[in-house]
Structure formats: C-alpha cells, structure tokens
Amino acid sequence: MNINLNNRLNIRVSQQSLAFAVADPHAVNQVIYEPCIVKSGISIAANMREAFKHSELLNRGYDHALLIIDTPTMLVPLKEFDEEKADLLYHHAISGYENCEVLHQVLPHLNAVVLYPINRDLKLVVGDHFSDVRYAHVMEPAWNHMLSRSYTGNRRKLYCYFHDGKVDVFSFDKNRFRFSNAFDASYSRDSVYYILHVWKQLGYDAQTDELYLVYDQQQPDTADVRQNREWTLEALRRYLGKAYVINPSAEFNRAPVTLIKGIPFDLMVLFVKG
C-alpha cells in the first residue's frame, strides 16, 4: 500500500468501532485521532451518516479518504488470482456477505491478493463526501509489518493480533503466507485453545520457535482487561517457551502516534510506516 497520508483522511470501520485519523505535523502526537461511538441498533452505514453530522475531522473538507475495513478476508496466491472471478470465489468460500461488493488488494511483498467485502451502502455514503476514496483492509498494515519482523533471527514465528473482538493468527514462510485465519476472542480460554491448535497444526517447536501477541488499544485499560491479557500470556507460556507481547511504544521507538490513547495497532503501523 503506497498512499500519501498528508491531506488524506483515514476512516477505520469495523462491526464494533468507527474512527477517523489524519496526519498533522502540528498536532501534539503528529496525528489527530477521533473515535466515534457506534450505535448497535443501526447499520454501520447509518452510523457513518450520523458521524458526518457531528465529527470534526469528517467536516474539515478533505477531498481524499482511505477507507480501512475490517471484514472477513480470503487470501489468493498472486499467480492464481483472476479478477473476473473474485466475487464468485469469495462468496463460494465465505457466506453472509452476498449483498456486499468484494474488493481486492494486491500484497506484493507476500505474493498474494486479499479479498474482502464492503457494505454497498457504506461505500456509497463515503463516496458521496469525498472526491477520491481508496480502500484497504485492517490487516494489511499488520501483515506487512510482521512480515518484515519475521526476517529477524532463524526461529519460526507465529503472530496473533487481537482486535475488534477477535484474534487474527498468521505466520509466514519467507515472503509468503504459511497460515492466516481469524477466531473469536470473546473468551481468553478459547483464544488460547485456537492459538495452540494452530501452533500444533504448523508443527512449530514449543521450545525454540516464537509466539508474538499484539493488542489494539481500543479497549479501556481496565483491571479486567489487564488481567485477561496476563492470564492469556501465562497460559500460553505453560506450553510454549518463547511467548511475548509486543509493546507498540518499544516496537516503534517511542513514536508519538503510540502515545495516542485508544488508537489501534494497525493505524499506528500505517502512520509510522506510511
């Protein structure tokens, strides 16, 4: 993804959250981040319409927008991708999104193409307010960052990104995906089970290979949240010798964007690497 973040409003959309962010060298942390409360009783497109009535960033008059979407993904090897069959392929593999438009994004560093759906009404609402709208998936920045990380050292690595009520689990073999899937993360015990199952499925070594967990920052930093994360790490360490949690501040050399309360990890990567 090669996008100039200057003068482009970033709109991050998931089933549970809606947020806006823009690079601003004059801001305290060089990025302005504005989360929006999502009303559960109405569609995400209706929530976006409401946001245009109240959001400061949405009404600044930006012409360019990057719409970052969190919907189920399907990965296709680059050499096997056929754009004309993308819709058919996605809907055959993943149900429940038949009324959505299927978008695709080439991942050149991973020799793959990611397919994901977008709600047509949401696309229309955003398109009505910006002259230029581009699209990306929430996982794209995380994948690209962890790919570069995977080249350090000789040990195999498994990555787990907890965000928006689920955990994306993925690994690489050189410049290709070895595994990628998402699981519900409502309960810590279930998350541990899924992660260990994938670890076993991939045949990773419990003593020498490495597991990395990374959490978005959207959840309030409450005692329960901290306790659940500590329990998850401790449970994984009972079986795996090298399990770690990635600290975004340390990961990005204390970049100012990591100090913004509530900003998701994927948006941090987008601004640090963008």
C-alpha atoms as a PDB file:
ATOM      1  CA  MET A   1       0.000   0.000   0.000  1.00  0.00           C
ATOM      2  CA  ASN A   2       1.643   3.210  -1.211  1.00  0.00           C
ATOM      3  CA  ILE A   3      -0.503   6.109  -0.040  1.00  0.00           C
ATOM      4  CA  ASN A   4       0.427   9.661   0.860  1.00  0.00           C
ATOM      5  CA  LEU A   5      -1.136  10.249   4.258  1.00  0.00           C
ATOM      6  CA  ASN A   6      -0.865  14.024   4.058  1.00  0.00           C
ATOM      7  CA  ASN A   7      -4.263  15.609   3.433  1.00  0.00           C
ATOM      8  CA  ARG A   8      -5.936  12.188   3.344  1.00  0.00           C
ATOM      9  CA  LEU A   9      -8.500  11.313   5.993  1.00  0.00           C
ATOM     10  CA  ASN A  10      -8.282   7.738   7.265  1.00  0.00           C
ATOM     11  CA  ILE A  11     -11.624   6.122   8.152  1.00  0.00           C
ATOM     12  CA  ARG A  12     -11.386   2.834  10.056  1.00  0.00           C
ATOM     13  CA  VAL A  13     -14.566   0.753  10.110  1.00  0.00           C
ATOM     14  CA  SER A  14     -15.388  -2.499  11.907  1.00  0.00           C
ATOM     15  CA  GLN A  15     -18.588  -4.001  13.273  1.00  0.00           C
ATOM     16  CA  GLN A  16     -17.715  -2.678  16.727  1.00  0.00           C
ATOM     17  CA  SER A  17     -15.958   0.613  16.083  1.00  0.00           C
ATOM     18  CA  LEU A  18     -15.668   3.627  13.861  1.00  0.00           C
ATOM     19  CA  ALA A  19     -12.739   6.034  13.975  1.00  0.00           C
ATOM     20  CA  PHE A  20     -11.077   8.784  11.969  1.00  0.00           C
ATOM     21  CA  ALA A  21      -7.422   9.797  11.849  1.00  0.00           C
ATOM     22  CA  VAL A  22      -5.217  12.149   9.887  1.00  0.00           C
ATOM     23  CA  ALA A  23      -1.544  13.032   9.896  1.00  0.00           C
ATOM     24  CA  ASP A  24      -0.961  16.542  11.257  1.00  0.00           C
ATOM     25  CA  PRO A  25       2.596  17.758  11.993  1.00  0.00           C
ATOM     26  CA  HIS A  26       1.158  20.483  14.240  1.00  0.00           C
ATOM     27  CA  ALA A  27      -0.757  18.049  16.479  1.00  0.00           C
ATOM     28  CA  VAL A  28       0.726  17.029  19.834  1.00  0.00           C
ATOM     29  CA  ASN A  29       1.420  13.483  18.644  1.00  0.00           C
ATOM     30  CA  GLN A  30       1.593  14.348  14.915  1.00  0.00           C
ATOM     31  CA  VAL A  31      -1.683  12.522  14.330  1.00  0.00           C
ATOM     32  CA  ILE A  32      -5.248  13.550  15.146  1.00  0.00           C
ATOM     33  CA  TYR A  33      -7.329  10.546  16.173  1.00  0.00           C
ATOM     34  CA  GLU A  34     -11.088  10.740  16.662  1.00  0.00           C
ATOM     35  CA  PRO A  35     -13.025   7.638  17.742  1.00  0.00           C
ATOM     36  CA  CYS A  36     -16.769   7.600  17.184  1.00  0.00           C
ATOM     37  CA  ILE A  37     -19.401   5.874  19.302  1.00  0.00           C
ATOM     38  CA  VAL A  38     -21.166   3.169  17.278  1.00  0.00           C
ATOM     39  CA  LYS A  39     -24.882   2.700  17.919  1.00  0.00           C
ATOM     40  CA  SER A  40     -25.699  -1.007  17.942  1.00  0.00           C
ATOM     41  CA  GLY A  41     -29.285  -0.589  16.790  1.00  0.00           C
ATOM     42  CA  ILE A  42     -28.460   0.805  13.342  1.00  0.00           C
ATOM     43  CA  SER A  43     -26.246  -0.261  10.438  1.00  0.00           C
ATOM     44  CA  ILE A  44     -22.639   0.814  10.084  1.00  0.00           C
ATOM     45  CA  ALA A  45     -23.648   2.914   7.052  1.00  0.00           C
ATOM     46  CA  ALA A  46     -26.251   4.701   9.183  1.00  0.00           C
ATOM     47  CA  ASN A  47     -23.618   5.243  11.866  1.00  0.00           C
ATOM     48  CA  MET A  48     -21.391   6.812   9.234  1.00  0.00           C
ATOM     49  CA  ARG A  49     -24.196   9.131   8.126  1.00  0.00           C
ATOM     50  CA  GLU A  50     -24.649  10.212  11.742  1.00  0.00           C
ATOM     51  CA  ALA A  51     -20.907  10.757  12.110  1.00  0.00           C
ATOM     52  CA  PHE A  52     -20.904  13.211   9.205  1.00  0.00           C
ATOM     53  CA  LYS A  53     -23.295  15.378  11.233  1.00  0.00           C
ATOM     54  CA  HIS A  54     -21.034  15.616  14.277  1.00  0.00           C
ATOM     55  CA  SER A  55     -17.423  14.659  13.516  1.00  0.00           C
ATOM     56  CA  GLU A  56     -14.897  17.464  13.448  1.00  0.00           C
ATOM     57  CA  LEU A  57     -12.483  15.599  11.179  1.00  0.00           C
ATOM     58  CA  LEU A  58     -15.170  14.475   8.731  1.00  0.00           C
ATOM     59  CA  ASN A  59     -16.246  18.083   8.267  1.00  0.00           C
ATOM     60  CA  ARG A  60     -12.820  19.607   7.714  1.00  0.00           C
ATOM     61  CA  GLY A  61     -13.298  19.488   3.963  1.00  0.00           C
ATOM     62  CA  TYR A  62     -10.893  16.706   2.991  1.00  0.00           C
ATOM     63  CA  ASP A  63     -11.172  15.570  -0.632  1.00  0.00           C
ATOM     64  CA  HIS A  64      -9.233  12.316  -0.223  1.00  0.00           C
ATOM     65  CA  ALA A  65     -10.085   9.418   2.070  1.00  0.00           C
ATOM     66  CA  LEU A  66      -8.685   5.993   2.844  1.00  0.00           C
ATOM     67  CA  LEU A  67     -11.442   3.629   3.999  1.00  0.00           C
ATOM     68  CA  ILE A  68      -9.897   0.881   6.145  1.00  0.00           C
ATOM     69  CA  ILE A  69     -12.276  -2.041   6.525  1.00  0.00           C
ATOM     70  CA  ASP A  70     -12.429  -4.939   8.951  1.00  0.00           C
ATOM     71  CA  THR A  71     -14.379  -7.758   7.292  1.00  0.00           C
ATOM     72  CA  PRO A  72     -13.534 -11.454   6.758  1.00  0.00           C
ATOM     73  CA  THR A  73     -10.642 -11.962   4.356  1.00  0.00           C
ATOM     74  CA  MET A  74      -9.761 -14.532   1.754  1.00  0.00           C
ATOM     75  CA  LEU A  75      -6.171 -14.852   0.534  1.00  0.00           C
ATOM     76  CA  VAL A  76      -5.379 -15.961  -3.009  1.00  0.00           C
ATOM     77  CA  PRO A  77      -1.884 -16.653  -4.410  1.00  0.00           C
ATOM     78  CA  LEU A  78      -0.969 -13.815  -6.764  1.00  0.00           C
ATOM     79  CA  LYS A  79      -0.246 -16.078  -9.730  1.00  0.00           C
ATOM     80  CA  GLU A  80      -3.666 -17.750  -9.367  1.00  0.00           C
ATOM     81  CA  PHE A  81      -5.744 -14.582  -8.991  1.00  0.00           C
ATOM     82  CA  ASP A  82      -8.404 -13.865 -11.609  1.00  0.00           C
ATOM     83  CA  GLU A  83     -10.130 -10.520 -11.020  1.00  0.00           C
ATOM     84  CA  GLU A  84     -13.201 -11.537 -13.041  1.00  0.00           C
ATOM     85  CA  LYS A  85     -13.808 -14.487 -10.709  1.00  0.00           C
ATOM     86  CA  ALA A  86     -13.065 -12.685  -7.441  1.00  0.00           C
ATOM     87  CA  ASP A  87     -16.726 -12.218  -6.421  1.00  0.00           C
ATOM     88  CA  LEU A  88     -17.670 -15.801  -7.233  1.00  0.00           C
ATOM     89  CA  LEU A  89     -14.630 -17.187  -5.430  1.00  0.00           C
ATOM     90  CA  TYR A  90     -15.211 -15.144  -2.277  1.00  0.00           C
ATOM     91  CA  HIS A  91     -18.931 -15.843  -1.962  1.00  0.00           C
ATOM     92  CA  HIS A  92     -18.343 -19.552  -2.603  1.00  0.00           C
ATOM     93  CA  ALA A  93     -15.883 -19.697   0.307  1.00  0.00           C
ATOM     94  CA  ILE A  94     -17.468 -17.243   2.782  1.00  0.00           C
ATOM     95  CA  SER A  95     -21.208 -16.849   3.292  1.00  0.00           C
ATOM     96  CA  GLY A  96     -23.215 -13.991   4.735  1.00  0.00           C
ATOM     97  CA  TYR A  97     -21.887 -11.194   2.536  1.00  0.00           C
ATOM     98  CA  GLU A  98     -23.819 -11.821  -0.670  1.00  0.00           C
ATOM     99  CA  ASN A  99     -25.181  -8.250  -0.738  1.00  0.00           C
ATOM    100  CA  CYS A 100     -21.716  -6.717  -0.363  1.00  0.00           C
ATOM    101  CA  GLU A 101     -19.220  -5.731  -3.016  1.00  0.00           C
ATOM    102  CA  VAL A 102     -15.983  -7.714  -2.969  1.00  0.00           C
ATOM    103  CA  LEU A 103     -12.812  -5.638  -3.072  1.00  0.00           C
ATOM    104  CA  HIS A 104      -9.302  -6.909  -3.616  1.00  0.00           C
ATOM    105  CA  GLN A 105      -5.841  -5.631  -2.758  1.00  0.00           C
ATOM    106  CA  VAL A 106      -2.564  -6.953  -4.117  1.00  0.00           C
ATOM    107  CA  LEU A 107       0.004  -7.724  -1.401  1.00  0.00           C
ATOM    108  CA  PRO A 108       3.188  -7.630  -3.494  1.00  0.00           C
ATOM    109  CA  HIS A 109       5.569  -8.418  -0.627  1.00  0.00           C
ATOM    110  CA  LEU A 110       3.569 -11.560   0.149  1.00  0.00           C
ATOM    111  CA  ASN A 111       2.827 -12.744  -3.407  1.00  0.00           C
ATOM    112  CA  ALA A 112      -0.870 -12.767  -2.550  1.00  0.00           C
ATOM    113  CA  VAL A 113      -4.133 -10.945  -3.110  1.00  0.00           C
ATOM    114  CA  VAL A 114      -6.552 -10.316  -0.259  1.00  0.00           C
ATOM    115  CA  LEU A 115     -10.299 -10.348  -0.980  1.00  0.00           C
ATOM    116  CA  TYR A 116     -12.757  -8.737   1.427  1.00  0.00           C
ATOM    117  CA  PRO A 117     -16.327  -7.415   1.264  1.00  0.00           C
ATOM    118  CA  ILE A 118     -17.580  -3.884   1.754  1.00  0.00           C
ATOM    119  CA  ASN A 119     -21.139  -2.898   2.541  1.00  0.00           C
ATOM    120  CA  ARG A 120     -22.530  -1.154  -0.551  1.00  0.00           C
ATOM    121  CA  ASP A 121     -24.381   1.479   1.473  1.00  0.00           C
ATOM    122  CA  LEU A 122     -21.239   2.299   3.439  1.00  0.00           C
ATOM    123  CA  LYS A 123     -19.264   2.678   0.230  1.00  0.00           C
ATOM    124  CA  LEU A 124     -21.953   4.981  -1.165  1.00  0.00           C
ATOM    125  CA  VAL A 125     -22.065   7.161   1.963  1.00  0.00           C
ATOM    126  CA  VAL A 126     -18.303   7.673   1.988  1.00  0.00           C
ATOM    127  CA  GLY A 127     -18.154   8.155  -1.793  1.00  0.00           C
ATOM    128  CA  ASP A 128     -20.747  10.924  -1.609  1.00  0.00           C
ATOM    129  CA  HIS A 129     -18.477  13.003   0.650  1.00  0.00           C
ATOM    130  CA  PHE A 130     -15.028  12.579  -0.924  1.00  0.00           C
ATOM    131  CA  SER A 131     -13.831  13.026  -4.489  1.00  0.00           C
ATOM    132  CA  ASP A 132     -11.184  10.318  -4.109  1.00  0.00           C
ATOM    133  CA  VAL A 133     -11.697   7.226  -1.939  1.00  0.00           C
ATOM    134  CA  ARG A 134      -9.205   4.387  -1.669  1.00  0.00           C
ATOM    135  CA  TYR A 135      -9.633   1.152   0.222  1.00  0.00           C
ATOM    136  CA  ALA A 136      -7.524  -1.098   2.440  1.00  0.00           C
ATOM    137  CA  HIS A 137      -8.099  -3.915   4.878  1.00  0.00           C
ATOM    138  CA  VAL A 138      -7.353  -3.504   8.592  1.00  0.00           C
ATOM    139  CA  MET A 139      -4.912  -6.420   8.489  1.00  0.00           C
ATOM    140  CA  GLU A 140      -2.777  -5.129   5.622  1.00  0.00           C
ATOM    141  CA  PRO A 141      -0.524  -2.844   7.734  1.00  0.00           C
ATOM    142  CA  ALA A 142      -0.178  -5.529  10.423  1.00  0.00           C
ATOM    143  CA  TRP A 143       0.725  -8.223   7.891  1.00  0.00           C
ATOM    144  CA  ASN A 144       3.335  -6.064   6.207  1.00  0.00           C
ATOM    145  CA  HIS A 145       4.930  -5.024   9.485  1.00  0.00           C
ATOM    146  CA  MET A 146       5.092  -8.540  10.882  1.00  0.00           C
ATOM    147  CA  LEU A 147       6.488  -9.840   7.605  1.00  0.00           C
ATOM    148  CA  SER A 148       9.483  -7.521   7.963  1.00  0.00           C
ATOM    149  CA  ARG A 149       9.785  -8.663  11.574  1.00  0.00           C
ATOM    150  CA  SER A 150       9.781 -12.331  10.577  1.00  0.00           C
ATOM    151  CA  TYR A 151      13.128 -11.960   8.781  1.00  0.00           C
ATOM    152  CA  THR A 152      14.992 -11.298  12.048  1.00  0.00           C
ATOM    153  CA  GLY A 153      16.605 -14.397  13.542  1.00  0.00           C
ATOM    154  CA  ASN A 154      16.328 -18.011  12.451  1.00  0.00           C
ATOM    155  CA  ARG A 155      13.354 -19.095  14.564  1.00  0.00           C
ATOM    156  CA  ARG A 156       9.900 -19.558  13.098  1.00  0.00           C
ATOM    157  CA  LYS A 157       7.302 -17.079  14.352  1.00  0.00           C
ATOM    158  CA  LEU A 158       3.552 -17.068  14.864  1.00  0.00           C
ATOM    159  CA  TYR A 159       1.743 -13.725  15.244  1.00  0.00           C
ATOM    160  CA  CYS A 160      -1.588 -13.072  16.960  1.00  0.00           C
ATOM    161  CA  TYR A 161      -3.281  -9.693  16.558  1.00  0.00           C
ATOM    162  CA  PHE A 162      -6.181  -9.161  18.986  1.00  0.00           C
ATOM    163  CA  HIS A 163      -8.574  -6.538  17.666  1.00  0.00           C
ATOM    164  CA  ASP A 164     -12.285  -5.825  17.302  1.00  0.00           C
ATOM    165  CA  GLY A 165     -13.378  -8.813  19.369  1.00  0.00           C
ATOM    166  CA  LYS A 166     -11.306 -11.415  17.522  1.00  0.00           C
ATOM    167  CA  VAL A 167      -7.752 -12.600  17.047  1.00  0.00           C
ATOM    168  CA  ASP A 168      -6.043 -12.847  13.660  1.00  0.00           C
ATOM    169  CA  VAL A 169      -3.433 -15.616  13.741  1.00  0.00           C
ATOM    170  CA  PHE A 170      -0.851 -15.732  10.947  1.00  0.00           C
ATOM    171  CA  SER A 171       2.659 -16.781  10.014  1.00  0.00           C
ATOM    172  CA  PHE A 172       4.992 -16.528   7.049  1.00  0.00           C
ATOM    173  CA  ASP A 173       7.404 -18.714   5.150  1.00  0.00           C
ATOM    174  CA  LYS A 174       9.884 -16.269   3.654  1.00  0.00           C
ATOM    175  CA  ASN A 175       7.741 -13.922   1.525  1.00  0.00           C
ATOM    176  CA  ARG A 176       4.551 -15.984   1.544  1.00  0.00           C
ATOM    177  CA  PHE A 177       1.766 -16.725   3.976  1.00  0.00           C
ATOM    178  CA  ARG A 178       2.081 -20.063   5.691  1.00  0.00           C
ATOM    179  CA  PHE A 179      -1.116 -19.594   7.692  1.00  0.00           C
ATOM    180  CA  SER A 180      -3.774 -16.936   8.214  1.00  0.00           C
ATOM    181  CA  ASN A 181      -7.137 -17.171   9.938  1.00  0.00           C
ATOM    182  CA  ALA A 182      -9.297 -15.249  12.401  1.00  0.00           C
ATOM    183  CA  PHE A 183     -11.011 -16.579  15.530  1.00  0.00           C
ATOM    184  CA  ASP A 184     -13.477 -15.186  18.034  1.00  0.00           C
ATOM    185  CA  ALA A 185     -11.632 -13.770  21.039  1.00  0.00           C
ATOM    186  CA  SER A 186     -14.541 -13.165  23.401  1.00  0.00           C
ATOM    187  CA  TYR A 187     -13.095 -15.608  25.925  1.00  0.00           C
ATOM    188  CA  SER A 188      -9.418 -15.889  26.835  1.00  0.00           C
ATOM    189  CA  ARG A 189      -9.556 -19.675  27.194  1.00  0.00           C
ATOM    190  CA  ASP A 190     -10.940 -20.057  23.680  1.00  0.00           C
ATOM    191  CA  SER A 191      -8.229 -17.789  22.292  1.00  0.00           C
ATOM    192  CA  VAL A 192      -5.511 -19.852  23.946  1.00  0.00           C
ATOM    193  CA  TYR A 193      -7.041 -23.039  22.536  1.00  0.00           C
ATOM    194  CA  TYR A 194      -7.162 -21.617  18.990  1.00  0.00           C
ATOM    195  CA  ILE A 195      -3.584 -20.362  19.144  1.00  0.00           C
ATOM    196  CA  LEU A 196      -2.172 -23.617  20.491  1.00  0.00           C
ATOM    197  CA  HIS A 197      -4.156 -25.581  17.903  1.00  0.00           C
ATOM    198  CA  VAL A 198      -2.622 -23.520  15.086  1.00  0.00           C
ATOM    199  CA  TRP A 199       0.829 -23.896  16.650  1.00  0.00           C
ATOM    200  CA  LYS A 200       0.428 -27.678  16.674  1.00  0.00           C
ATOM    201  CA  GLN A 201      -1.042 -27.699  13.156  1.00  0.00           C
ATOM    202  CA  LEU A 202       2.023 -25.855  11.822  1.00  0.00           C
ATOM    203  CA  GLY A 203       4.389 -28.200  13.607  1.00  0.00           C
ATOM    204  CA  TYR A 204       6.234 -25.446  15.444  1.00  0.00           C
ATOM    205  CA  ASP A 205       8.696 -26.301  18.190  1.00  0.00           C
ATOM    206  CA  ALA A 206       7.470 -25.484  21.713  1.00  0.00           C
ATOM    207  CA  GLN A 207      10.941 -24.564  22.962  1.00  0.00           C
ATOM    208  CA  THR A 208      12.692 -22.799  20.084  1.00  0.00           C
ATOM    209  CA  ASP A 209      10.028 -21.144  17.901  1.00  0.00           C
ATOM    210  CA  GLU A 210       8.430 -17.835  18.895  1.00  0.00           C
ATOM    211  CA  LEU A 211       4.906 -16.565  19.534  1.00  0.00           C
ATOM    212  CA  TYR A 212       4.072 -12.854  19.483  1.00  0.00           C
ATOM    213  CA  LEU A 213       0.842 -11.296  20.732  1.00  0.00           C
ATOM    214  CA  VAL A 214      -0.172  -7.754  19.890  1.00  0.00           C
ATOM    215  CA  TYR A 215      -3.288  -5.957  21.128  1.00  0.00           C
ATOM    216  CA  ASP A 216      -5.098  -2.965  19.764  1.00  0.00           C
ATOM    217  CA  GLN A 217      -5.591  -0.104  22.203  1.00  0.00           C
ATOM    218  CA  GLN A 218      -9.335   0.428  21.724  1.00  0.00           C
ATOM    219  CA  GLN A 219     -10.376  -1.380  24.895  1.00  0.00           C
ATOM    220  CA  PRO A 220     -10.210   0.731  28.071  1.00  0.00           C
ATOM    221  CA  ASP A 221      -7.161  -0.097  30.177  1.00  0.00           C
ATOM    222  CA  THR A 222      -9.180  -1.634  32.999  1.00  0.00           C
ATOM    223  CA  ALA A 223      -8.100  -4.151  35.626  1.00  0.00           C
ATOM    224  CA  ASP A 224     -10.195  -6.859  33.934  1.00  0.00           C
ATOM    225  CA  VAL A 225      -8.583  -6.239  30.541  1.00  0.00           C
ATOM    226  CA  ARG A 226      -5.092  -6.353  32.040  1.00  0.00           C
ATOM    227  CA  GLN A 227      -5.944  -9.491  33.998  1.00  0.00           C
ATOM    228  CA  ASN A 228      -7.274 -11.266  30.885  1.00  0.00           C
ATOM    229  CA  ARG A 229      -4.174 -10.407  28.899  1.00  0.00           C
ATOM    230  CA  GLU A 230      -1.867 -11.528  31.695  1.00  0.00           C
ATOM    231  CA  TRP A 231      -3.804 -14.781  32.040  1.00  0.00           C
ATOM    232  CA  THR A 232      -3.585 -15.402  28.280  1.00  0.00           C
ATOM    233  CA  LEU A 233       0.183 -14.916  28.245  1.00  0.00           C
ATOM    234  CA  GLU A 234       0.704 -17.080  31.332  1.00  0.00           C
ATOM    235  CA  ALA A 235      -1.490 -19.857  29.898  1.00  0.00           C
ATOM    236  CA  LEU A 236       0.453 -19.857  26.638  1.00  0.00           C
ATOM    237  CA  ARG A 237       3.769 -19.903  28.468  1.00  0.00           C
ATOM    238  CA  ARG A 238       2.797 -23.135  30.175  1.00  0.00           C
ATOM    239  CA  TYR A 239       3.202 -24.807  26.796  1.00  0.00           C
ATOM    240  CA  LEU A 240       5.485 -22.507  24.799  1.00  0.00           C
ATOM    241  CA  GLY A 241       8.935 -21.416  25.880  1.00  0.00           C
ATOM    242  CA  LYS A 242       9.051 -18.199  23.878  1.00  0.00           C
ATOM    243  CA  ALA A 243       5.760 -16.270  24.071  1.00  0.00           C
ATOM    244  CA  TYR A 244       5.850 -12.474  24.127  1.00  0.00           C
ATOM    245  CA  VAL A 245       3.568  -9.429  23.998  1.00  0.00           C
ATOM    246  CA  ILE A 246       4.623  -6.680  21.599  1.00  0.00           C
ATOM    247  CA  ASN A 247       4.755  -3.225  23.185  1.00  0.00           C
ATOM    248  CA  PRO A 248       3.899  -0.674  20.458  1.00  0.00           C
ATOM    249  CA  SER A 249       5.953   2.110  22.061  1.00  0.00           C
ATOM    250  CA  ALA A 250       9.079  -0.036  22.110  1.00  0.00           C
ATOM    251  CA  GLU A 251       8.259  -1.548  18.717  1.00  0.00           C
ATOM    252  CA  PHE A 252       8.212   1.878  17.054  1.00  0.00           C
ATOM    253  CA  ASN A 253      10.968   3.590  19.050  1.00  0.00           C
ATOM    254  CA  ARG A 254       8.513   5.682  21.076  1.00  0.00           C
ATOM    255  CA  ALA A 255       6.938   7.216  18.002  1.00  0.00           C
ATOM    256  CA  PRO A 256       4.467   9.958  19.031  1.00  0.00           C
ATOM    257  CA  VAL A 257       1.499   8.115  17.497  1.00  0.00           C
ATOM    258  CA  THR A 258       1.936   5.279  20.023  1.00  0.00           C
ATOM    259  CA  LEU A 259       1.073   7.726  22.815  1.00  0.00           C
ATOM    260  CA  ILE A 260      -2.430   8.368  21.461  1.00  0.00           C
ATOM    261  CA  LYS A 261      -4.989   6.772  23.757  1.00  0.00           C
ATOM    262  CA  GLY A 262      -7.173   4.174  22.075  1.00  0.00           C
ATOM    263  CA  ILE A 263      -5.572   4.158  18.621  1.00  0.00           C
ATOM    264  CA  PRO A 264      -5.470   0.639  17.095  1.00  0.00           C
ATOM    265  CA  PHE A 265      -2.139  -1.012  16.327  1.00  0.00           C
ATOM    266  CA  ASP A 266      -2.901  -1.202  12.593  1.00  0.00           C
ATOM    267  CA  LEU A 267      -3.355   2.576  12.417  1.00  0.00           C
ATOM    268  CA  MET A 268      -0.090   3.055  14.310  1.00  0.00           C
ATOM    269  CA  VAL A 269       1.705   0.998  11.664  1.00  0.00           C
ATOM    270  CA  LEU A 270       0.021   2.944   8.890  1.00  0.00           C
ATOM    271  CA  PHE A 271       1.291   6.273  10.224  1.00  0.00           C
ATOM    272  CA  VAL A 272       4.751   5.064  11.285  1.00  0.00           C
ATOM    273  CA  LYS A 273       5.445   3.235   8.035  1.00  0.00           C
ATOM    274  CA  GLY A 274       3.304   5.347   5.731  1.00  0.00           C
END
